[in-house]
Every structure is written in structure tokens, then in C-alpha cells.
């Protein structure tokens, strides 16, 4: 299993559209910065053909340490959630077969 990095995305942009290495790197950074900024501001990010990113606020709760079984307080936090669109789910499940 491999991982796609920011650099891999920049290389694909450079090869497909003829950007320079610096331009393609800045473009990838700009896209990710805009996504992060929107999520920080409480906005959902919808990308056609991929899905929706959103921030969820989780309340504090009592949990337990799975190793020891001891109770512990899990603090309130914000988490990022991703919900894939139907097109994405179909493409992924078809590819897996």
C-alpha cells in the first residue's frame, strides 16, 4: 500500500498542466490552506466527486482505558469528519472488487 503526498499531487499538476515545480507546489498548498481555513471557520467543504469535510464538536464524556479498563475523562474536542459522496463510494467499491 502506498501513500500520495503533497509532492505527488504537485508533480501530477506539473506534468498534466505544465506548471513549474514552484507553481504546482504553491497551488497544492493554496488548495489545502483554503480547505483548512474554511473548516477552522466552521464551514463545510464540499468537493464534487469526492465528498464533504466538516468539523464536529464532541462533548466531554467518561471513557475507559482499553488496556487497563480504568475509567478516564475524555475531554471535549473538535474533530474532522469526512462523508464520501455516492460517486466516490461507487468508484472505490468497484475498484476493490
C-alpha atoms as a PDB file:
ATOM      1  CA  UNK A   1       0.000   0.000   0.000  1.00  0.00           C
ATOM      2  CA  UNK A   2       1.394   3.424  -0.901  1.00  0.00           C
ATOM      3  CA  UNK A   3       0.603   6.974   0.192  1.00  0.00           C
ATOM      4  CA  UNK A   4       0.026  10.005  -2.006  1.00  0.00           C
ATOM      5  CA  UNK A   5       1.845  13.072  -0.686  1.00  0.00           C
ATOM      6  CA  UNK A   6       1.553  16.788  -1.403  1.00  0.00           C
ATOM      7  CA  UNK A   7       4.641  16.444  -3.559  1.00  0.00           C
ATOM      8  CA  UNK A   8       2.979  13.669  -5.609  1.00  0.00           C
ATOM      9  CA  UNK A   9      -0.002  15.954  -6.248  1.00  0.00           C
ATOM     10  CA  UNK A  10       2.323  18.803  -7.245  1.00  0.00           C
ATOM     11  CA  UNK A  11       4.167  16.517  -9.671  1.00  0.00           C
ATOM     12  CA  UNK A  12       0.857  15.444 -11.260  1.00  0.00           C
ATOM     13  CA  UNK A  13      -0.160  19.094 -11.700  1.00  0.00           C
ATOM     14  CA  UNK A  14       3.232  19.927 -13.170  1.00  0.00           C
ATOM     15  CA  UNK A  15       3.105  17.030 -15.633  1.00  0.00           C
ATOM     16  CA  UNK A  16      -0.515  17.486 -16.673  1.00  0.00           C
ATOM     17  CA  UNK A  17      -0.724  21.286 -16.898  1.00  0.00           C
ATOM     18  CA  UNK A  18       2.873  22.374 -17.426  1.00  0.00           C
ATOM     19  CA  UNK A  19       3.286  24.379 -14.217  1.00  0.00           C
ATOM     20  CA  UNK A  20       6.767  24.863 -12.810  1.00  0.00           C
ATOM     21  CA  UNK A  21       7.695  22.902  -9.689  1.00  0.00           C
ATOM     22  CA  UNK A  22       7.318  26.042  -7.566  1.00  0.00           C
ATOM     23  CA  UNK A  23       3.938  26.941  -9.073  1.00  0.00           C
ATOM     24  CA  UNK A  24       2.490  23.460  -8.668  1.00  0.00           C
ATOM     25  CA  UNK A  25       3.731  23.239  -5.072  1.00  0.00           C
ATOM     26  CA  UNK A  26       2.204  26.616  -4.236  1.00  0.00           C
ATOM     27  CA  UNK A  27      -1.080  25.622  -5.888  1.00  0.00           C
ATOM     28  CA  UNK A  28      -1.365  22.430  -3.817  1.00  0.00           C
ATOM     29  CA  UNK A  29      -0.514  24.378  -0.642  1.00  0.00           C
ATOM     30  CA  UNK A  30      -3.087  27.054  -1.511  1.00  0.00           C
ATOM     31  CA  UNK A  31      -5.836  24.458  -2.005  1.00  0.00           C
ATOM     32  CA  UNK A  32      -5.095  22.728   1.305  1.00  0.00           C
ATOM     33  CA  UNK A  33      -4.784  26.055   3.132  1.00  0.00           C
ATOM     34  CA  UNK A  34      -8.208  27.134   1.844  1.00  0.00           C
ATOM     35  CA  UNK A  35      -9.772  23.830   2.928  1.00  0.00           C
ATOM     36  CA  UNK A  36      -8.205  24.116   6.403  1.00  0.00           C
ATOM     37  CA  UNK A  37      -9.230  27.751   6.799  1.00  0.00           C
ATOM     38  CA  UNK A  38     -12.836  27.008   5.827  1.00  0.00           C
ATOM     39  CA  UNK A  39     -13.009  24.138   8.331  1.00  0.00           C
ATOM     40  CA  UNK A  40     -11.462  26.283  11.089  1.00  0.00           C
ATOM     41  CA  UNK A  41     -14.161  28.907  10.388  1.00  0.00           C
ATOM     42  CA  UNK A  42     -16.890  26.279  10.807  1.00  0.00           C
ATOM     43  CA  UNK A  43     -17.736  25.943   7.121  1.00  0.00           C
ATOM     44  CA  UNK A  44     -18.351  22.603   5.416  1.00  0.00           C
ATOM     45  CA  UNK A  45     -16.101  21.840   2.452  1.00  0.00           C
ATOM     46  CA  UNK A  46     -17.850  20.045  -0.415  1.00  0.00           C
ATOM     47  CA  UNK A  47     -15.743  18.708  -3.261  1.00  0.00           C
ATOM     48  CA  UNK A  48     -17.748  17.370  -6.203  1.00  0.00           C
ATOM     49  CA  UNK A  49     -16.976  13.737  -6.931  1.00  0.00           C
ATOM     50  CA  UNK A  50     -15.239  13.277  -3.569  1.00  0.00           C
ATOM     51  CA  UNK A  51     -17.406  14.246  -0.603  1.00  0.00           C
ATOM     52  CA  UNK A  52     -17.870  16.644   2.299  1.00  0.00           C
ATOM     53  CA  UNK A  53     -15.487  17.576   5.097  1.00  0.00           C
ATOM     54  CA  UNK A  54     -16.918  19.118   8.270  1.00  0.00           C
ATOM     55  CA  UNK A  55     -15.923  19.844  11.836  1.00  0.00           C
ATOM     56  CA  UNK A  56     -17.841  18.120  14.626  1.00  0.00           C
ATOM     57  CA  UNK A  57     -17.811  19.252  18.236  1.00  0.00           C
ATOM     58  CA  UNK A  58     -17.561  16.274  20.589  1.00  0.00           C
ATOM     59  CA  UNK A  59     -18.722  16.704  24.178  1.00  0.00           C
ATOM     60  CA  UNK A  60     -16.673  15.571  27.148  1.00  0.00           C
ATOM     61  CA  UNK A  61     -17.512  12.055  28.300  1.00  0.00           C
ATOM     62  CA  UNK A  62     -16.374   9.259  30.517  1.00  0.00           C
ATOM     63  CA  UNK A  63     -14.382   6.631  28.643  1.00  0.00           C
ATOM     64  CA  UNK A  64     -12.101   3.842  29.693  1.00  0.00           C
ATOM     65  CA  UNK A  65      -8.560   2.775  29.041  1.00  0.00           C
ATOM     66  CA  UNK A  66      -8.899  -0.392  26.923  1.00  0.00           C
ATOM     67  CA  UNK A  67      -5.639  -1.787  28.264  1.00  0.00           C
ATOM     68  CA  UNK A  68      -6.368  -1.394  31.981  1.00  0.00           C
ATOM     69  CA  UNK A  69     -10.161  -0.989  31.999  1.00  0.00           C
ATOM     70  CA  UNK A  70      -9.736   2.101  34.185  1.00  0.00           C
ATOM     71  CA  UNK A  71     -12.258   4.939  33.735  1.00  0.00           C
ATOM     72  CA  UNK A  72     -10.964   8.209  32.350  1.00  0.00           C
ATOM     73  CA  UNK A  73     -12.471  11.520  31.270  1.00  0.00           C
ATOM     74  CA  UNK A  74     -12.254  12.193  27.540  1.00  0.00           C
ATOM     75  CA  UNK A  75     -12.163  15.970  27.114  1.00  0.00           C
ATOM     76  CA  UNK A  76     -14.346  17.940  24.735  1.00  0.00           C
ATOM     77  CA  UNK A  77     -12.757  18.358  21.337  1.00  0.00           C
ATOM     78  CA  UNK A  78     -13.291  19.250  17.692  1.00  0.00           C
ATOM     79  CA  UNK A  79     -12.803  16.512  15.104  1.00  0.00           C
ATOM     80  CA  UNK A  80     -12.771  16.461  11.326  1.00  0.00           C
ATOM     81  CA  UNK A  81     -15.308  14.187   9.661  1.00  0.00           C
ATOM     82  CA  UNK A  82     -15.435  13.132   6.015  1.00  0.00           C
ATOM     83  CA  UNK A  83     -18.539  11.839   4.285  1.00  0.00           C
ATOM     84  CA  UNK A  84     -17.859  10.468   0.803  1.00  0.00           C
ATOM     85  CA  UNK A  85     -20.355  11.168  -1.978  1.00  0.00           C
ATOM     86  CA  UNK A  86     -22.132   8.308  -3.741  1.00  0.00           C
ATOM     87  CA  UNK A  87     -19.953   8.618  -6.858  1.00  0.00           C
ATOM     88  CA  UNK A  88     -16.801   8.248  -4.755  1.00  0.00           C
ATOM     89  CA  UNK A  89     -18.215   5.249  -2.843  1.00  0.00           C
ATOM     90  CA  UNK A  90     -19.176   3.535  -6.079  1.00  0.00           C
ATOM     91  CA  UNK A  91     -15.768   4.103  -7.657  1.00  0.00           C
ATOM     92  CA  UNK A  92     -13.933   2.836  -4.566  1.00  0.00           C
ATOM     93  CA  UNK A  93     -16.130  -0.239  -4.078  1.00  0.00           C
ATOM     94  CA  UNK A  94     -15.947  -1.120  -7.794  1.00  0.00           C
ATOM     95  CA  UNK A  95     -12.145  -0.812  -7.744  1.00  0.00           C
ATOM     96  CA  UNK A  96     -11.905  -3.087  -4.666  1.00  0.00           C
ATOM     97  CA  UNK A  97     -13.624  -5.992  -6.391  1.00  0.00           C
END
